Amino acid sequence: MEYTGLINQYKVNRPLTEEERRNRLDPAKRFDVSPNYFSSTIRMNSRYLEVADKYYGWKGALTFVMTVLTLICLVITWVAASIFFVDGLMGSADDRAANLVFGGVPLLMGIAMIIALLWLIFRECFRLTHYPIRLQRDLRMVHVFRLDGTVFSVSWDKVFFTLGRGNRPFGIQTWDVRGHVLDDDGVTVVETFCFALAWPDIAEVQRYWEYVRRYMEEGPEAIAPDTLAYLPIADRRETWGFGLLRLALNLPGQTSAQLILAPAFLLFSIGRWFAMRTCKIPVWPKHIEEACVVDAGDPFAKDASSNPEKLWKVM
């Protein structure tokens, strides 16, 4: 549950930091780790690999928590409004003055809190169901959906990849794989995008980096055995049941933690269902789709239609 880049946007029009330079991920360098797709792949073929964004996995958690807090603030604001507009006009002059103070201040604070909470809800709702990243291997291009729904494309070889430091949710330092698009000076960051995984263990983040890196540098055969299933979101909204499963998969391999947090996942799934129903499904621009036509009979062409029947057993 890491919202760096969603709530507080990535800083651009600034130079690379020393930490980013130290943590650079060189596409030509192979880490001696097994690649892991971390349940983020939408579709794959010999021409391109399409993966979900960092915010897709936890989508709905922010919506649910902020909605509950909004309802609480609405109750407080309603009580404050009653004191301010009703009790504040009755009684003695001293009583009216006190009621105006004790009603007016909470009323203004409540309104301000509701506006802030609604802004946070709208970071997930009424936008896109997800923000896919398409790695086009044949032309060595990366196509990325921005949070505002627009798309930009950049050469894979011109992206500065690095480990990015998250905002320490719950006091835990997380890391992710970020791609910086640099200006012509090779120093100034003008765009930033982020791959799916945000995790405290850098070794696990390197495994995800190896997954996307090996596809681009070595081909689909290098990661096909490690891609066990595909997200059913390319052209449709996920079901409530799959959304619940995907929330649990944010803690891969941690069965005990998944069971303990099952009630929270269930509540978050309500927010996720609402968020997904208010969002539009992303559609790639025509020129990108035309450049990404999959060859007939491609042996590596896989998507959600290739998934096993009991999906929960493999993801």
C-alpha atoms as a PDB file:
ATOM      1  CA  MET A   1       0.000   0.000   0.000  1.00  0.00           C
ATOM      2  CA  GLU A   2       2.316   2.673  -1.330  1.00  0.00           C
ATOM      3  CA  TYR A   3       0.989   5.791  -3.050  1.00  0.00           C
ATOM      4  CA  THR A   4       4.146   7.718  -3.967  1.00  0.00           C
ATOM      5  CA  GLY A   5       3.374   9.277  -7.336  1.00  0.00           C
ATOM      6  CA  LEU A   6      -0.390   9.025  -6.916  1.00  0.00           C
ATOM      7  CA  ILE A   7      -1.054  11.315  -3.951  1.00  0.00           C
ATOM      8  CA  ASN A   8       2.159  13.313  -4.098  1.00  0.00           C
ATOM      9  CA  GLN A   9       3.250  13.339  -7.718  1.00  0.00           C
ATOM     10  CA  TYR A  10       6.767  12.524  -8.819  1.00  0.00           C
ATOM     11  CA  LYS A  11       8.991  15.578  -9.029  1.00  0.00           C
ATOM     12  CA  VAL A  12      10.044  16.485 -12.551  1.00  0.00           C
ATOM     13  CA  ASN A  13      12.073  19.259 -14.154  1.00  0.00           C
ATOM     14  CA  ARG A  14      14.843  18.543 -11.656  1.00  0.00           C
ATOM     15  CA  PRO A  15      18.242  16.855 -11.897  1.00  0.00           C
ATOM     16  CA  LEU A  16      18.853  13.211 -11.072  1.00  0.00           C
ATOM     17  CA  THR A  17      19.819  12.721  -7.446  1.00  0.00           C
ATOM     18  CA  GLU A  18      22.989  11.025  -6.285  1.00  0.00           C
ATOM     19  CA  GLU A  19      20.918   8.205  -4.796  1.00  0.00           C
ATOM     20  CA  GLU A  20      19.218   7.602  -8.144  1.00  0.00           C
ATOM     21  CA  ARG A  21      22.613   7.449  -9.832  1.00  0.00           C
ATOM     22  CA  ARG A  22      23.922   4.963  -7.239  1.00  0.00           C
ATOM     23  CA  ASN A  23      20.839   2.778  -7.596  1.00  0.00           C
ATOM     24  CA  ARG A  24      20.727   2.817 -11.388  1.00  0.00           C
ATOM     25  CA  LEU A  25      19.451  -0.364 -12.999  1.00  0.00           C
ATOM     26  CA  ASP A  26      21.424  -1.100 -16.152  1.00  0.00           C
ATOM     27  CA  PRO A  27      19.333  -2.984 -18.763  1.00  0.00           C
ATOM     28  CA  ALA A  28      22.531  -4.617 -20.014  1.00  0.00           C
ATOM     29  CA  LYS A  29      23.357  -6.038 -16.554  1.00  0.00           C
ATOM     30  CA  ARG A  30      21.789  -9.336 -15.507  1.00  0.00           C
ATOM     31  CA  PHE A  31      21.037  -9.944 -11.834  1.00  0.00           C
ATOM     32  CA  ASP A  32      21.593 -13.517 -10.703  1.00  0.00           C
ATOM     33  CA  VAL A  33      18.044 -13.922  -9.423  1.00  0.00           C
ATOM     34  CA  SER A  34      14.941 -15.733 -10.632  1.00  0.00           C
ATOM     35  CA  PRO A  35      12.470 -13.341 -12.306  1.00  0.00           C
ATOM     36  CA  ASN A  36       9.053 -12.885 -10.709  1.00  0.00           C
ATOM     37  CA  TYR A  37       6.015 -11.314 -12.362  1.00  0.00           C
ATOM     38  CA  PHE A  38       4.241 -10.632  -9.040  1.00  0.00           C
ATOM     39  CA  SER A  39       0.798 -11.109 -10.597  1.00  0.00           C
ATOM     40  CA  SER A  40       1.114  -7.957 -12.692  1.00  0.00           C
ATOM     41  CA  THR A  41       1.123  -9.195 -16.291  1.00  0.00           C
ATOM     42  CA  ILE A  42      -1.856  -8.405 -18.503  1.00  0.00           C
ATOM     43  CA  ARG A  43      -0.688  -9.974 -21.756  1.00  0.00           C
ATOM     44  CA  MET A  44       2.488 -11.100 -23.468  1.00  0.00           C
ATOM     45  CA  ASN A  45       3.602 -12.054 -26.950  1.00  0.00           C
ATOM     46  CA  SER A  46       6.710 -11.864 -29.108  1.00  0.00           C
ATOM     47  CA  ARG A  47       6.045  -8.220 -29.918  1.00  0.00           C
ATOM     48  CA  TYR A  48       5.177  -6.711 -26.511  1.00  0.00           C
ATOM     49  CA  LEU A  49       4.672  -7.277 -22.811  1.00  0.00           C
ATOM     50  CA  GLU A  50       1.886  -5.357 -21.071  1.00  0.00           C
ATOM     51  CA  VAL A  51       1.915  -4.964 -17.291  1.00  0.00           C
ATOM     52  CA  ALA A  52      -0.179  -3.143 -14.711  1.00  0.00           C
ATOM     53  CA  ASP A  53       0.905  -0.081 -12.743  1.00  0.00           C
ATOM     54  CA  LYS A  54       2.020   0.191  -9.120  1.00  0.00           C
ATOM     55  CA  TYR A  55      -1.364   1.399  -7.840  1.00  0.00           C
ATOM     56  CA  TYR A  56      -3.494  -1.349  -9.372  1.00  0.00           C
ATOM     57  CA  GLY A  57      -2.753  -3.997  -6.743  1.00  0.00           C
ATOM     58  CA  TRP A  58      -4.044  -1.983  -3.772  1.00  0.00           C
ATOM     59  CA  LYS A  59      -6.741  -0.082  -5.624  1.00  0.00           C
ATOM     60  CA  GLY A  60      -9.813   0.282  -3.440  1.00  0.00           C
ATOM     61  CA  ALA A  61      -8.049   0.408  -0.068  1.00  0.00           C
ATOM     62  CA  LEU A  62      -7.661   4.176  -0.242  1.00  0.00           C
ATOM     63  CA  THR A  63     -11.249   4.563  -1.441  1.00  0.00           C
ATOM     64  CA  PHE A  64     -12.679   2.482   1.402  1.00  0.00           C
ATOM     65  CA  VAL A  65     -10.689   4.125   4.201  1.00  0.00           C
ATOM     66  CA  MET A  66     -11.307   7.656   2.926  1.00  0.00           C
ATOM     67  CA  THR A  67     -15.031   6.933   2.451  1.00  0.00           C
ATOM     68  CA  VAL A  68     -15.363   5.785   6.067  1.00  0.00           C
ATOM     69  CA  LEU A  69     -13.513   8.879   7.283  1.00  0.00           C
ATOM     70  CA  THR A  70     -15.709  11.062   5.050  1.00  0.00           C
ATOM     71  CA  LEU A  71     -18.870   9.610   6.618  1.00  0.00           C
ATOM     72  CA  ILE A  72     -17.480  10.272  10.097  1.00  0.00           C
ATOM     73  CA  CYS A  73     -16.646  13.855   9.108  1.00  0.00           C
ATOM     74  CA  LEU A  74     -20.124  14.302   7.665  1.00  0.00           C
ATOM     75  CA  VAL A  75     -21.673  13.353  11.009  1.00  0.00           C
ATOM     76  CA  ILE A  76     -19.348  15.719  12.893  1.00  0.00           C
ATOM     77  CA  THR A  77     -20.070  18.490  10.388  1.00  0.00           C
ATOM     78  CA  TRP A  78     -23.819  17.950  10.671  1.00  0.00           C
ATOM     79  CA  VAL A  79     -23.645  18.205  14.470  1.00  0.00           C
ATOM     80  CA  ALA A  80     -21.460  21.312  14.219  1.00  0.00           C
ATOM     81  CA  ALA A  81     -23.867  22.859  11.707  1.00  0.00           C
ATOM     82  CA  SER A  82     -26.771  22.217  14.079  1.00  0.00           C
ATOM     83  CA  ILE A  83     -24.946  23.977  16.906  1.00  0.00           C
ATOM     84  CA  PHE A  84     -23.905  26.845  14.650  1.00  0.00           C
ATOM     85  CA  PHE A  85     -27.166  27.487  12.800  1.00  0.00           C
ATOM     86  CA  VAL A  86     -29.755  26.418  15.414  1.00  0.00           C
ATOM     87  CA  ASP A  87     -28.326  26.682  18.920  1.00  0.00           C
ATOM     88  CA  GLY A  88     -26.212  29.648  17.875  1.00  0.00           C
ATOM     89  CA  LEU A  89     -29.343  31.677  17.258  1.00  0.00           C
ATOM     90  CA  MET A  90     -31.054  30.789  20.520  1.00  0.00           C
ATOM     91  CA  GLY A  91     -30.497  31.485  24.191  1.00  0.00           C
ATOM     92  CA  SER A  92     -28.718  34.369  25.858  1.00  0.00           C
ATOM     93  CA  ALA A  93     -26.064  36.491  24.166  1.00  0.00           C
ATOM     94  CA  ASP A  94     -23.296  34.609  25.995  1.00  0.00           C
ATOM     95  CA  ASP A  95     -24.779  31.247  25.019  1.00  0.00           C
ATOM     96  CA  ARG A  96     -25.126  32.327  21.412  1.00  0.00           C
ATOM     97  CA  ALA A  97     -21.511  33.470  21.291  1.00  0.00           C
ATOM     98  CA  ALA A  98     -20.303  30.153  22.761  1.00  0.00           C
ATOM     99  CA  ASN A  99     -22.437  28.113  20.378  1.00  0.00           C
ATOM    100  CA  LEU A 100     -21.179  30.077  17.392  1.00  0.00           C
ATOM    101  CA  VAL A 101     -17.580  29.366  18.445  1.00  0.00           C
ATOM    102  CA  PHE A 102     -18.056  25.691  19.327  1.00  0.00           C
ATOM    103  CA  GLY A 103     -20.193  25.140  16.251  1.00  0.00           C
ATOM    104  CA  GLY A 104     -18.451  27.358  13.717  1.00  0.00           C
ATOM    105  CA  VAL A 105     -14.890  26.122  14.187  1.00  0.00           C
ATOM    106  CA  PRO A 106     -15.757  22.389  13.933  1.00  0.00           C
ATOM    107  CA  LEU A 107     -18.044  23.201  10.993  1.00  0.00           C
ATOM    108  CA  LEU A 108     -15.249  24.850   9.001  1.00  0.00           C
ATOM    109  CA  MET A 109     -12.777  22.118   9.942  1.00  0.00           C
ATOM    110  CA  GLY A 110     -15.286  19.437   8.974  1.00  0.00           C
ATOM    111  CA  ILE A 111     -15.907  21.005   5.570  1.00  0.00           C
ATOM    112  CA  ALA A 112     -12.161  21.303   4.939  1.00  0.00           C
ATOM    113  CA  MET A 113     -11.621  17.653   5.937  1.00  0.00           C
ATOM    114  CA  ILE A 114     -14.441  16.452   3.686  1.00  0.00           C
ATOM    115  CA  ILE A 115     -12.966  18.311   0.709  1.00  0.00           C
ATOM    116  CA  ALA A 116      -9.519  16.793   1.386  1.00  0.00           C
ATOM    117  CA  LEU A 117     -10.946  13.277   1.788  1.00  0.00           C
ATOM    118  CA  LEU A 118     -13.004  13.559  -1.392  1.00  0.00           C
ATOM    119  CA  TRP A 119      -9.851  14.645  -3.237  1.00  0.00           C
ATOM    120  CA  LEU A 120      -8.121  11.470  -2.040  1.00  0.00           C
ATOM    121  CA  ILE A 121     -11.083   9.324  -3.107  1.00  0.00           C
ATOM    122  CA  PHE A 122     -10.944  10.887  -6.557  1.00  0.00           C
ATOM    123  CA  ARG A 123      -7.299   9.798  -6.879  1.00  0.00           C
ATOM    124  CA  GLU A 124      -8.653   6.257  -7.349  1.00  0.00           C
ATOM    125  CA  CYS A 125     -12.225   6.789  -8.542  1.00  0.00           C
ATOM    126  CA  PHE A 126     -13.613   8.305 -11.747  1.00  0.00           C
ATOM    127  CA  ARG A 127     -10.270   7.848 -13.515  1.00  0.00           C
ATOM    128  CA  LEU A 128      -8.899   4.685 -15.206  1.00  0.00           C
ATOM    129  CA  THR A 129      -9.221   1.130 -13.915  1.00  0.00           C
ATOM    130  CA  HIS A 130      -5.441   0.814 -14.289  1.00  0.00           C
ATOM    131  CA  TYR A 131      -2.533   2.563 -16.010  1.00  0.00           C
ATOM    132  CA  PRO A 132      -0.858  -0.063 -18.199  1.00  0.00           C
ATOM    133  CA  ILE A 133       2.724  -0.029 -19.364  1.00  0.00           C
ATOM    134  CA  ARG A 134       3.481  -1.697 -22.699  1.00  0.00           C
ATOM    135  CA  LEU A 135       7.040  -2.814 -23.416  1.00  0.00           C
ATOM    136  CA  GLN A 136       7.343  -3.153 -27.188  1.00  0.00           C
ATOM    137  CA  ARG A 137      10.335  -5.370 -27.764  1.00  0.00           C
ATOM    138  CA  ASP A 138      10.598  -5.294 -31.561  1.00  0.00           C
ATOM    139  CA  LEU A 139      10.915  -1.491 -31.688  1.00  0.00           C
ATOM    140  CA  ARG A 140      12.472  -1.224 -28.194  1.00  0.00           C
ATOM    141  CA  MET A 141       9.828   1.246 -27.078  1.00  0.00           C
ATOM    142  CA  VAL A 142       7.987   1.800 -23.812  1.00  0.00           C
ATOM    143  CA  HIS A 143       4.401   3.082 -23.926  1.00  0.00           C
ATOM    144  CA  VAL A 144       2.994   4.451 -20.662  1.00  0.00           C
ATOM    145  CA  PHE A 145      -0.411   5.679 -19.517  1.00  0.00           C
ATOM    146  CA  ARG A 146      -0.146   8.797 -17.381  1.00  0.00           C
ATOM    147  CA  LEU A 147      -2.504   9.347 -14.439  1.00  0.00           C
ATOM    148  CA  ASP A 148      -4.436  11.930 -16.467  1.00  0.00           C
ATOM    149  CA  GLY A 149      -5.241   9.302 -19.111  1.00  0.00           C
ATOM    150  CA  THR A 150      -2.798  10.527 -21.755  1.00  0.00           C
ATOM    151  CA  VAL A 151      -0.069   8.293 -23.182  1.00  0.00           C
ATOM    152  CA  PHE A 152       3.595   8.900 -23.871  1.00  0.00           C
ATOM    153  CA  SER A 153       6.177   6.743 -25.619  1.00  0.00           C
ATOM    154  CA  VAL A 154       9.921   6.630 -25.103  1.00  0.00           C
ATOM    155  CA  SER A 155      12.792   4.483 -26.311  1.00  0.00           C
ATOM    156  CA  TRP A 156      13.713   1.717 -23.873  1.00  0.00           C
ATOM    157  CA  ASP A 157      17.376   2.563 -24.413  1.00  0.00           C
ATOM    158  CA  LYS A 158      16.856   6.196 -23.401  1.00  0.00           C
ATOM    159  CA  VAL A 159      15.081   5.530 -20.078  1.00  0.00           C
ATOM    160  CA  PHE A 160      17.109   5.937 -16.886  1.00  0.00           C
ATOM    161  CA  PHE A 161      15.949   3.047 -14.699  1.00  0.00           C
ATOM    162  CA  THR A 162      16.611   3.163 -10.985  1.00  0.00           C
ATOM    163  CA  LEU A 163      15.413   1.942  -7.613  1.00  0.00           C
ATOM    164  CA  GLY A 164      12.974   4.485  -6.208  1.00  0.00           C
ATOM    165  CA  ARG A 165      12.433   5.168  -2.521  1.00  0.00           C
ATOM    166  CA  GLY A 166       8.813   5.148  -1.333  1.00  0.00           C
ATOM    167  CA  ASN A 167       7.187   7.351   1.298  1.00  0.00           C
ATOM    168  CA  ARG A 168       7.495   4.815   4.155  1.00  0.00           C
ATOM    169  CA  PRO A 169       3.837   3.751   4.589  1.00  0.00           C
ATOM    170  CA  PHE A 170       3.311   2.660   8.204  1.00  0.00           C
ATOM    171  CA  GLY A 171       6.982   3.417   8.833  1.00  0.00           C
ATOM    172  CA  ILE A 172       8.189   0.711   6.411  1.00  0.00           C
ATOM    173  CA  GLN A 173      10.678   1.746   3.741  1.00  0.00           C
ATOM    174  CA  THR A 174       9.616   0.420   0.347  1.00  0.00           C
ATOM    175  CA  TRP A 175      11.404   0.421  -2.998  1.00  0.00           C
ATOM    176  CA  ASP A 176      10.185   0.250  -6.576  1.00  0.00           C
ATOM    177  CA  VAL A 177      11.527   0.301 -10.133  1.00  0.00           C
ATOM    178  CA  ARG A 178      11.220   3.753 -11.684  1.00  0.00           C
ATOM    179  CA  GLY A 179      11.886   4.900 -15.191  1.00  0.00           C
ATOM    180  CA  HIS A 180      13.023   8.478 -15.668  1.00  0.00           C
ATOM    181  CA  VAL A 181      12.750  10.128 -19.060  1.00  0.00           C
ATOM    182  CA  LEU A 182      15.573  12.628 -19.317  1.00  0.00           C
ATOM    183  CA  ASP A 183      15.882  15.870 -21.221  1.00  0.00           C
ATOM    184  CA  ASP A 184      18.480  16.268 -23.980  1.00  0.00           C
ATOM    185  CA  ASP A 185      21.057  17.226 -21.351  1.00  0.00           C
ATOM    186  CA  GLY A 186      20.921  13.679 -19.961  1.00  0.00           C
ATOM    187  CA  VAL A 187      20.447  14.989 -16.430  1.00  0.00           C
ATOM    188  CA  THR A 188      17.050  16.678 -16.085  1.00  0.00           C
ATOM    189  CA  VAL A 189      14.064  14.425 -15.337  1.00  0.00           C
ATOM    190  CA  VAL A 190      11.036  15.377 -17.459  1.00  0.00           C
ATOM    191  CA  GLU A 191       8.823  12.266 -16.970  1.00  0.00           C
ATOM    192  CA  THR A 192       8.700   9.477 -14.408  1.00  0.00           C
ATOM    193  CA  PHE A 193       6.810   6.195 -14.469  1.00  0.00           C
ATOM    194  CA  CYS A 194       6.867   3.238 -12.120  1.00  0.00           C
ATOM    195  CA  PHE A 195       6.478  -0.513 -12.509  1.00  0.00           C
ATOM    196  CA  ALA A 196       4.082  -2.597 -10.474  1.00  0.00           C
ATOM    197  CA  LEU A 197       5.956  -3.754  -7.399  1.00  0.00           C
ATOM    198  CA  ALA A 198       6.648  -1.677  -4.262  1.00  0.00           C
ATOM    199  CA  TRP A 199       8.348  -3.828  -1.621  1.00  0.00           C
ATOM    200  CA  PRO A 200      10.615  -3.452   1.443  1.00  0.00           C
ATOM    201  CA  ASP A 201      13.082  -6.113   0.233  1.00  0.00           C
ATOM    202  CA  ILE A 202      15.263  -4.766  -2.568  1.00  0.00           C
ATOM    203  CA  ALA A 203      16.091  -8.326  -3.655  1.00  0.00           C
ATOM    204  CA  GLU A 204      12.410  -8.909  -4.477  1.00  0.00           C
ATOM    205  CA  VAL A 205      12.275  -5.643  -6.420  1.00  0.00           C
ATOM    206  CA  GLN A 206      15.310  -6.813  -8.392  1.00  0.00           C
ATOM    207  CA  ARG A 207      13.432 -10.006  -9.254  1.00  0.00           C
ATOM    208  CA  TYR A 208      10.632  -7.941 -10.768  1.00  0.00           C
ATOM    209  CA  TRP A 209      13.134  -5.768 -12.613  1.00  0.00           C
ATOM    210  CA  GLU A 210      14.684  -8.933 -14.035  1.00  0.00           C
ATOM    211  CA  TYR A 211      11.256  -9.990 -15.242  1.00  0.00           C
ATOM    212  CA  VAL A 212      10.743  -6.900 -17.426  1.00  0.00           C
ATOM    213  CA  ARG A 213      14.442  -6.541 -18.280  1.00  0.00           C
ATOM    214  CA  ARG A 214      14.784 -10.108 -19.535  1.00  0.00           C
ATOM    215  CA  TYR A 215      11.722  -9.742 -21.724  1.00  0.00           C
ATOM    216  CA  MET A 216      13.200  -6.702 -23.461  1.00  0.00           C
ATOM    217  CA  GLU A 217      16.779  -7.944 -23.626  1.00  0.00           C
ATOM    218  CA  GLU A 218      16.337 -11.718 -24.026  1.00  0.00           C
ATOM    219  CA  GLY A 219      12.830 -12.247 -25.353  1.00  0.00           C
ATOM    220  CA  PRO A 220       9.553 -13.781 -24.173  1.00  0.00           C
ATOM    221  CA  GLU A 221      11.091 -17.243 -23.866  1.00  0.00           C
ATOM    222  CA  ALA A 222      13.154 -15.922 -20.926  1.00  0.00           C
ATOM    223  CA  ILE A 223      10.075 -15.162 -18.781  1.00  0.00           C
ATOM    224  CA  ALA A 224       7.263 -17.316 -20.198  1.00  0.00           C
ATOM    225  CA  PRO A 225       7.858 -20.116 -17.643  1.00  0.00           C
ATOM    226  CA  ASP A 226       7.674 -17.552 -14.824  1.00  0.00           C
ATOM    227  CA  THR A 227       4.340 -16.083 -15.968  1.00  0.00           C
ATOM    228  CA  LEU A 228       1.759 -18.330 -14.368  1.00  0.00           C
ATOM    229  CA  ALA A 229      -1.388 -16.312 -15.085  1.00  0.00           C
ATOM    230  CA  TYR A 230      -2.584 -13.062 -16.611  1.00  0.00           C
ATOM    231  CA  LEU A 231      -4.734 -10.241 -15.251  1.00  0.00           C
ATOM    232  CA  PRO A 232      -8.228 -10.301 -16.839  1.00  0.00           C
ATOM    233  CA  ILE A 233      -8.372  -6.535 -17.243  1.00  0.00           C
ATOM    234  CA  ALA A 234      -7.142  -5.811 -20.776  1.00  0.00           C
ATOM    235  CA  ASP A 235     -10.584  -4.983 -22.161  1.00  0.00           C
ATOM    236  CA  ARG A 236     -12.996  -5.422 -19.247  1.00  0.00           C
ATOM    237  CA  ARG A 237     -13.450  -4.617 -15.587  1.00  0.00           C
ATOM    238  CA  GLU A 238     -12.431  -7.246 -13.085  1.00  0.00           C
ATOM    239  CA  THR A 239     -15.090  -9.080 -11.087  1.00  0.00           C
ATOM    240  CA  TRP A 240     -15.520  -8.468  -7.363  1.00  0.00           C
ATOM    241  CA  GLY A 241     -14.118 -11.941  -6.620  1.00  0.00           C
ATOM    242  CA  PHE A 242     -10.977 -11.375  -8.670  1.00  0.00           C
ATOM    243  CA  GLY A 243     -10.505  -7.970  -7.057  1.00  0.00           C
ATOM    244  CA  LEU A 244     -10.552  -9.627  -3.642  1.00  0.00           C
ATOM    245  CA  LEU A 245      -8.024 -12.212  -4.822  1.00  0.00           C
ATOM    246  CA  ARG A 246      -5.744  -9.519  -6.241  1.00  0.00           C
ATOM    247  CA  LEU A 247      -5.784  -7.634  -2.935  1.00  0.00           C
ATOM    248  CA  ALA A 248      -4.657 -10.783  -1.122  1.00  0.00           C
ATOM    249  CA  LEU A 249      -1.884 -11.275  -3.685  1.00  0.00           C
ATOM    250  CA  ASN A 250      -0.261  -8.063  -2.472  1.00  0.00           C
ATOM    251  CA  LEU A 251       1.254 -10.335   0.188  1.00  0.00           C
ATOM    252  CA  PRO A 252       2.594 -13.119  -2.062  1.00  0.00           C
ATOM    253  CA  GLY A 253       3.528 -16.342  -0.331  1.00  0.00           C
ATOM    254  CA  GLN A 254       2.504 -15.030   3.109  1.00  0.00           C
ATOM    255  CA  THR A 255      -0.484 -17.257   3.824  1.00  0.00           C
ATOM    256  CA  SER A 256      -0.634 -16.476   7.547  1.00  0.00           C
ATOM    257  CA  ALA A 257      -0.636 -12.722   6.913  1.00  0.00           C
ATOM    258  CA  GLN A 258      -3.273 -13.132   4.213  1.00  0.00           C
ATOM    259  CA  LEU A 259      -5.549 -14.985   6.628  1.00  0.00           C
ATOM    260  CA  ILE A 260      -5.027 -12.450   9.411  1.00  0.00           C
ATOM    261  CA  LEU A 261      -5.758  -9.557   7.070  1.00  0.00           C
ATOM    262  CA  ALA A 262      -8.665 -11.303   5.330  1.00  0.00           C
ATOM    263  CA  PRO A 263     -11.278  -9.048   7.030  1.00  0.00           C
ATOM    264  CA  ALA A 264      -9.389  -5.955   5.866  1.00  0.00           C
ATOM    265  CA  PHE A 265      -9.108  -7.324   2.322  1.00  0.00           C
ATOM    266  CA  LEU A 266     -12.843  -7.994   2.346  1.00  0.00           C
ATOM    267  CA  LEU A 267     -13.595  -4.403   3.342  1.00  0.00           C
ATOM    268  CA  PHE A 268     -11.079  -3.017   0.862  1.00  0.00           C
ATOM    269  CA  SER A 269     -12.714  -5.102  -1.879  1.00  0.00           C
ATOM    270  CA  ILE A 270     -15.904  -3.065  -1.402  1.00  0.00           C
ATOM    271  CA  GLY A 271     -13.991   0.124  -2.091  1.00  0.00           C
ATOM    272  CA  ARG A 272     -12.207  -1.586  -4.987  1.00  0.00           C
ATOM    273  CA  TRP A 273     -15.503  -2.674  -6.555  1.00  0.00           C
ATOM    274  CA  PHE A 274     -16.843   0.883  -6.346  1.00  0.00           C
ATOM    275  CA  ALA A 275     -13.624   2.424  -7.675  1.00  0.00           C
ATOM    276  CA  MET A 276     -13.460   0.041 -10.623  1.00  0.00           C
ATOM    277  CA  ARG A 277     -17.102   0.701 -11.553  1.00  0.00           C
ATOM    278  CA  THR A 278     -16.547   4.446 -11.641  1.00  0.00           C
ATOM    279  CA  CYS A 279     -13.398   4.186 -13.775  1.00  0.00           C
ATOM    280  CA  LYS A 280     -12.948   3.818 -17.506  1.00  0.00           C
ATOM    281  CA  ILE A 281     -11.022   0.980 -19.109  1.00  0.00           C
ATOM    282  CA  PRO A 282      -7.839   2.364 -20.726  1.00  0.00           C
ATOM    283  CA  VAL A 283      -7.711   2.195 -24.517  1.00  0.00           C
ATOM    284  CA  TRP A 284      -4.393   2.474 -26.331  1.00  0.00           C
ATOM    285  CA  PRO A 285      -4.155   5.074 -29.110  1.00  0.00           C
ATOM    286  CA  LYS A 286      -4.687   3.726 -32.618  1.00  0.00           C
ATOM    287  CA  HIS A 287      -1.103   4.300 -33.725  1.00  0.00           C
ATOM    288  CA  ILE A 288       0.248   2.192 -30.860  1.00  0.00           C
ATOM    289  CA  GLU A 289      -2.186  -0.641 -31.531  1.00  0.00           C
ATOM    290  CA  GLU A 290      -1.255  -0.583 -35.207  1.00  0.00           C
ATOM    291  CA  ALA A 291       2.427  -0.860 -34.286  1.00  0.00           C
ATOM    292  CA  CYS A 292       1.717  -3.752 -31.909  1.00  0.00           C
ATOM    293  CA  VAL A 293      -0.215  -6.168 -34.102  1.00  0.00           C
ATOM    294  CA  VAL A 294       0.546  -9.702 -32.950  1.00  0.00           C
ATOM    295  CA  ASP A 295       1.602 -12.184 -35.617  1.00  0.00           C
ATOM    296  CA  ALA A 296      -0.783 -15.060 -36.248  1.00  0.00           C
ATOM    297  CA  GLY A 297       0.404 -18.246 -34.602  1.00  0.00           C
ATOM    298  CA  ASP A 298       2.747 -16.480 -32.185  1.00  0.00           C
ATOM    299  CA  PRO A 299       3.652 -19.260 -29.706  1.00  0.00           C
ATOM    300  CA  PHE A 300       4.144 -16.744 -26.895  1.00  0.00           C
ATOM    301  CA  ALA A 301       0.827 -14.919 -27.355  1.00  0.00           C
ATOM    302  CA  LYS A 302      -0.875 -15.224 -23.960  1.00  0.00           C
ATOM    303  CA  ASP A 303      -3.536 -13.302 -22.047  1.00  0.00           C
ATOM    304  CA  ALA A 304      -6.305 -13.995 -19.525  1.00  0.00           C
ATOM    305  CA  SER A 305      -7.900 -16.476 -21.923  1.00  0.00           C
ATOM    306  CA  SER A 306      -4.873 -18.700 -21.238  1.00  0.00           C
ATOM    307  CA  ASN A 307      -5.473 -18.784 -17.483  1.00  0.00           C
ATOM    308  CA  PRO A 308      -6.170 -22.079 -15.709  1.00  0.00           C
ATOM    309  CA  GLU A 309      -9.671 -22.662 -14.374  1.00  0.00           C
ATOM    310  CA  LYS A 310      -8.654 -22.492 -10.699  1.00  0.00           C
ATOM    311  CA  LEU A 311      -6.804 -19.223 -10.932  1.00  0.00           C
ATOM    312  CA  TRP A 312      -6.259 -18.792  -7.194  1.00  0.00           C
ATOM    313  CA  LYS A 313      -3.999 -21.852  -7.132  1.00  0.00           C
ATOM    314  CA  VAL A 314      -1.355 -20.391  -9.433  1.00  0.00           C
ATOM    315  CA  MET A 315      -1.363 -16.622  -8.944  1.00  0.00           C
END
